[in-house]
Amino acid sequence: MLPLQEISDRVEIQDLFARYSFAIDERDWDALDSVFTPDARIDYTESGGVSGSFAEIKAWLPQALERFPMFQHMVATTRLVLDGDIASSRTILFNPMTYRPADGPDQVFFIGLWYRDKLVRTPSGWRIAERYEEMGWNHNVPAMPPVPEVSDKA
């Protein structure tokens, strides 16, 4: 039987991943403040994005996701290794998206990847200290212009 603390940690981390998904899907960028540590590092490069500090990525996301009128981040199975106040995880993400080109019809496409995270318990609860998107597969991805660069003014 799992100890009560481990059960609580697992539920809190599952909620953390759901808060991330809802923050992105609802374009509530300030909600990400309760998901990441202020000094978090985020790397979306393997899936076509950028890498940077949490502040840089938070400023970058509205620009990068502007061309997508709809998307859903559906997190699923998580392999979680807890070690006191730190943890590591690998979580499946299924991400249908709609791309809206400047000229032409919307196109729906699908991405499957994993989030590889390092997590820490803070006084405010569990937070993501490092996030790496590990590309798995994609389907029907349209040709798109490159994503904007990360601004060092974040």
Protein backbone atom coordinates (compact mmCIF):
# COMPACT_ATOMS: atom_id res chain seq x y z
CA MET A 1 0.00 0.00 0.00
CA LEU A 2 1.27 3.48 -0.88
CA PRO A 3 1.99 5.84 2.01
CA LEU A 4 -0.46 8.73 2.34
CA GLN A 5 2.26 11.30 1.50
CA GLU A 6 3.05 9.53 -1.78
CA ILE A 7 -0.63 9.37 -2.69
CA SER A 8 -0.94 13.09 -1.97
CA ASP A 9 2.20 13.91 -3.98
CA ARG A 10 0.95 11.91 -6.97
CA VAL A 11 -2.45 13.62 -6.93
CA GLU A 12 -0.87 17.07 -6.57
CA ILE A 13 1.51 16.41 -9.48
CA GLN A 14 -1.34 15.13 -11.64
CA ASP A 15 -3.18 18.37 -10.86
CA LEU A 16 -0.04 20.35 -11.72
CA PHE A 17 0.03 18.78 -15.19
CA ALA A 18 -3.68 19.52 -15.66
CA ARG A 19 -3.12 23.18 -14.64
CA TYR A 20 -0.40 23.44 -17.28
CA SER A 21 -2.71 22.05 -19.97
CA PHE A 22 -5.59 24.36 -19.06
CA ALA A 23 -3.29 27.40 -18.82
CA ILE A 24 -1.97 26.77 -22.34
CA ASP A 25 -5.33 25.83 -23.87
CA GLU A 26 -7.09 28.84 -22.31
CA ARG A 27 -4.14 31.12 -23.14
CA ASP A 28 -3.96 32.10 -19.48
CA TRP A 29 -0.24 32.80 -19.44
CA ASP A 30 -0.21 34.13 -15.87
CA ALA A 31 -1.61 30.79 -14.64
CA LEU A 32 1.75 29.30 -15.62
CA ASP A 33 3.24 31.12 -12.60
CA SER A 34 1.65 28.42 -10.42
CA VAL A 35 3.03 25.63 -12.63
CA PHE A 36 6.73 26.46 -13.03
CA THR A 37 9.40 27.59 -10.63
CA PRO A 38 10.59 31.15 -11.42
CA ASP A 39 13.99 29.76 -12.47
CA ALA A 40 12.59 26.87 -14.55
CA ARG A 41 14.19 25.88 -17.86
CA ILE A 42 11.89 24.81 -20.70
CA ASP A 43 12.93 23.15 -23.94
CA TYR A 44 10.41 22.78 -26.77
CA THR A 45 13.05 22.49 -29.53
CA GLU A 46 12.53 18.82 -30.37
CA SER A 47 8.90 19.56 -31.31
CA GLY A 48 9.77 22.65 -33.37
CA GLY A 49 9.71 25.28 -30.64
CA VAL A 50 12.42 27.05 -28.67
CA SER A 51 14.32 26.70 -25.41
CA GLY A 52 14.72 29.23 -22.63
CA SER A 53 14.00 30.37 -19.12
CA PHE A 54 10.46 30.34 -17.79
CA ALA A 55 10.21 34.13 -18.22
CA GLU A 56 11.39 33.89 -21.83
CA ILE A 57 9.01 31.05 -22.68
CA LYS A 58 6.07 32.75 -20.96
CA ALA A 59 6.65 35.85 -23.11
CA TRP A 60 7.18 33.71 -26.24
CA LEU A 61 4.08 31.50 -25.99
CA PRO A 62 1.42 34.10 -26.98
CA GLN A 63 3.37 34.93 -30.16
CA ALA A 64 4.15 31.32 -31.03
CA LEU A 65 0.60 30.05 -30.49
CA GLU A 66 -1.19 32.98 -32.16
CA ARG A 67 -1.46 31.11 -35.48
CA PHE A 68 -3.35 28.25 -33.83
CA PRO A 69 -7.01 29.16 -33.15
CA MET A 70 -7.58 25.87 -31.30
CA PHE A 71 -5.53 23.21 -29.58
CA GLN A 72 -5.89 20.76 -26.72
CA HIS A 73 -3.14 19.46 -24.49
CA MET A 74 -4.30 16.09 -23.21
CA VAL A 75 -1.86 14.63 -20.70
CA ALA A 76 -2.19 10.94 -19.96
CA THR A 77 -0.04 8.19 -18.52
CA THR A 78 2.76 9.40 -16.24
CA ARG A 79 5.78 7.48 -15.03
CA LEU A 80 6.70 9.29 -11.81
CA VAL A 81 9.73 8.77 -9.60
CA LEU A 82 9.42 10.52 -6.24
CA ASP A 83 12.42 11.20 -4.01
CA GLY A 84 11.36 13.36 -1.07
CA ASP A 85 10.94 16.95 -2.28
CA ILE A 86 12.08 16.24 -5.84
CA ALA A 87 10.66 14.06 -8.58
CA SER A 88 11.17 13.17 -12.21
CA SER A 89 8.49 12.17 -14.67
CA ARG A 90 7.75 11.23 -18.25
CA THR A 91 4.17 11.95 -19.33
CA ILE A 92 2.34 11.26 -22.57
CA LEU A 93 0.80 14.22 -24.39
CA PHE A 94 -1.72 13.98 -27.24
CA ASN A 95 -2.04 17.39 -28.90
CA PRO A 96 -4.56 18.03 -31.68
CA MET A 97 -4.11 21.51 -33.14
CA THR A 98 -5.67 23.72 -35.80
CA TYR A 99 -3.33 25.83 -37.92
CA ARG A 100 -4.71 28.99 -39.53
CA PRO A 101 -2.52 30.12 -42.44
CA ALA A 102 -2.61 33.72 -43.67
CA ASP A 103 -4.17 32.52 -46.92
CA GLY A 104 -6.11 29.28 -47.10
CA PRO A 105 -8.30 27.04 -45.00
CA ASP A 106 -7.62 25.91 -41.44
CA GLN A 107 -5.83 22.58 -41.13
CA VAL A 108 -6.14 20.15 -38.22
CA PHE A 109 -3.06 18.12 -37.30
CA PHE A 110 -1.96 15.90 -34.44
CA ILE A 111 1.18 15.59 -32.34
CA GLY A 112 2.11 12.89 -29.85
CA LEU A 113 4.98 13.52 -27.48
CA TRP A 114 6.24 13.09 -23.95
CA TYR A 115 6.98 15.70 -21.34
CA ARG A 116 10.15 14.87 -19.42
CA ASP A 117 10.02 16.91 -16.24
CA LYS A 118 12.02 17.57 -13.12
CA LEU A 119 9.72 18.63 -10.31
CA VAL A 120 10.29 20.22 -6.91
CA ARG A 121 8.12 20.65 -3.85
CA THR A 122 7.94 24.34 -2.93
CA PRO A 123 6.13 26.09 -0.06
CA SER A 124 3.32 26.68 -2.61
CA GLY A 125 3.19 23.03 -3.73
CA TRP A 126 4.79 21.02 -6.52
CA ARG A 127 6.24 22.97 -9.45
CA ILE A 128 8.03 22.09 -12.68
CA ALA A 129 11.71 23.10 -12.52
CA GLU A 130 12.66 21.64 -15.92
CA ARG A 131 10.47 20.62 -18.86
CA TYR A 132 11.68 18.94 -22.03
CA GLU A 133 9.34 18.03 -24.88
CA GLU A 134 10.39 14.72 -26.40
CA MET A 135 8.88 14.30 -29.86
CA GLY A 136 7.09 11.04 -30.56
CA TRP A 137 5.05 11.31 -33.74
CA ASN A 138 2.92 13.66 -35.80
CA HIS A 139 0.21 13.44 -38.42
CA ASN A 140 -0.94 15.92 -41.08
CA VAL A 141 1.37 18.73 -39.95
CA PRO A 142 1.15 21.58 -42.47
CA ALA A 143 4.06 23.59 -43.79
CA MET A 144 4.35 26.62 -41.50
CA PRO A 145 6.67 29.59 -41.18
CA PRO A 146 9.30 29.24 -38.45
CA VAL A 147 8.30 30.03 -34.87
CA PRO A 148 9.43 33.37 -33.48
CA GLU A 149 12.72 33.49 -31.63
CA VAL A 150 12.89 33.80 -27.85
CA SER A 151 13.38 37.38 -26.81
CA ASP A 152 16.17 38.01 -24.34
CA LYS A 153 14.15 40.92 -22.99
CA ALA A 154 11.76 38.65 -21.06
